[in-house]
Amino acid sequence: MQILPEFEGFDWGNANLDKNHKKHGVTAQEAEELFANSPLVARRDDHHSTKVEERIQALGQTKVGRKLFIAFTLRNHKIRVISIRDMTPQEEQAYEKHT
């Protein structure tokens, strides 16, 4: 697990925003809510990180309790969402251990 780096907002690319909404039914508002709610369980994604860009995976929930998995990176101190979807049962169990 890792401490989430400080950030100054979100960097939404239109294609990525549409992709996550169409494929997983998750809105930008829901994605942003994850970072305002506790707990947000985050870790470095070593498999997808490069020397140039660190990828982070996190588990969190929206204001209404929707439990989501998010993969993102920080670009220019802004969160750039790569993928966001509902948690799998295994991810939900791991998340529950931290609540």
Protein backbone atom coordinates (compact mmCIF):
# COMPACT_ATOMS: atom_id res chain seq x y z
CA MET A 1 0.00 0.00 0.00
CA GLN A 2 1.20 3.52 -0.69
CA ILE A 3 0.38 7.04 0.35
CA LEU A 4 -1.41 8.88 -2.44
CA PRO A 5 0.68 11.75 -3.83
CA GLU A 6 -0.71 15.27 -3.64
CA PHE A 7 -2.60 16.38 -6.72
CA GLU A 8 -4.25 19.54 -8.03
CA GLY A 9 -7.26 18.17 -9.87
CA PHE A 10 -8.10 15.89 -12.76
CA ASP A 11 -6.98 15.64 -16.36
CA TRP A 12 -9.86 14.17 -18.37
CA GLY A 13 -9.26 13.19 -21.96
CA ASN A 14 -12.56 13.02 -23.84
CA ALA A 15 -11.81 9.60 -25.35
CA ASN A 16 -10.90 8.10 -21.97
CA LEU A 17 -13.89 9.67 -20.26
CA ASP A 18 -16.28 8.26 -22.87
CA LYS A 19 -14.58 4.84 -22.84
CA ASN A 20 -14.99 4.36 -19.10
CA HIS A 21 -18.59 5.53 -19.15
CA LYS A 22 -19.60 3.33 -22.08
CA LYS A 23 -17.66 0.24 -21.01
CA HIS A 24 -18.18 0.35 -17.24
CA GLY A 25 -20.97 2.86 -16.62
CA VAL A 26 -18.79 5.05 -14.41
CA THR A 27 -19.05 8.83 -14.64
CA ALA A 28 -16.28 11.37 -14.13
CA GLN A 29 -18.09 12.60 -11.03
CA GLU A 30 -18.03 9.11 -9.49
CA ALA A 31 -14.32 8.77 -10.27
CA GLU A 32 -13.56 12.09 -8.59
CA GLU A 33 -15.65 11.13 -5.54
CA LEU A 34 -13.26 8.26 -4.80
CA PHE A 35 -10.53 10.75 -3.94
CA ALA A 36 -12.78 12.68 -1.54
CA ASN A 37 -13.96 9.62 0.42
CA SER A 38 -12.20 7.35 2.89
CA PRO A 39 -10.73 4.92 2.82
CA LEU A 40 -8.96 5.02 -0.52
CA VAL A 41 -6.64 2.03 -0.63
CA ALA A 42 -3.84 2.71 -3.12
CA ARG A 43 -0.72 0.93 -4.31
CA ARG A 44 1.87 1.31 -7.04
CA ASP A 45 1.16 -0.78 -10.14
CA ASP A 46 4.64 -2.14 -10.80
CA HIS A 47 3.48 -4.22 -13.75
CA HIS A 48 2.28 -1.19 -15.74
CA SER A 49 4.61 1.52 -14.37
CA THR A 50 7.56 2.72 -16.44
CA LYS A 51 10.64 4.78 -15.66
CA VAL A 52 8.80 7.76 -17.09
CA GLU A 53 5.36 7.28 -15.56
CA GLU A 54 4.19 5.62 -12.36
CA ARG A 55 0.83 3.88 -12.49
CA ILE A 56 -1.29 3.58 -9.36
CA GLN A 57 -4.23 1.30 -8.58
CA ALA A 58 -6.77 2.13 -5.90
CA LEU A 59 -9.96 0.83 -4.34
CA GLY A 60 -12.54 3.27 -3.04
CA GLN A 61 -16.17 4.18 -2.96
CA THR A 62 -18.52 6.92 -4.11
CA LYS A 63 -20.79 9.01 -1.89
CA VAL A 64 -23.59 6.48 -2.38
CA GLY A 65 -21.32 3.53 -1.60
CA ARG A 66 -20.54 2.22 -5.10
CA LYS A 67 -17.24 0.37 -4.73
CA LEU A 68 -14.83 1.01 -7.58
CA PHE A 69 -11.37 0.01 -8.79
CA ILE A 70 -9.38 2.77 -10.46
CA ALA A 71 -6.09 2.77 -12.34
CA PHE A 72 -4.49 6.17 -12.84
CA THR A 73 -1.32 8.16 -13.19
CA LEU A 74 -0.26 11.68 -12.22
CA ARG A 75 0.58 14.08 -15.03
CA ASN A 76 1.55 17.63 -14.16
CA HIS A 77 0.13 17.14 -10.63
CA LYS A 78 -3.25 16.07 -12.01
CA ILE A 79 -4.88 12.66 -11.83
CA ARG A 80 -5.32 11.08 -15.25
CA VAL A 81 -7.72 8.13 -15.04
CA ILE A 82 -6.72 5.18 -17.18
CA SER A 83 -9.53 2.83 -16.21
CA ILE A 84 -12.32 2.71 -13.65
CA ARG A 85 -14.83 -0.06 -13.02
CA ASP A 86 -16.76 -1.84 -10.29
CA MET A 87 -14.64 -3.89 -7.89
CA THR A 88 -14.42 -7.63 -8.36
CA PRO A 89 -15.49 -9.77 -5.36
CA GLN A 90 -11.80 -10.34 -4.51
CA GLU A 91 -11.06 -6.62 -4.63
CA GLU A 92 -14.09 -5.92 -2.47
CA GLN A 93 -12.81 -8.37 0.16
CA ALA A 94 -9.40 -6.68 0.14
CA TYR A 95 -11.06 -3.26 0.45
CA GLU A 96 -13.25 -4.40 3.35
CA LYS A 97 -10.11 -5.38 5.29
CA HIS A 98 -9.12 -1.70 5.29
CA THR A 99 -12.49 -0.29 6.40
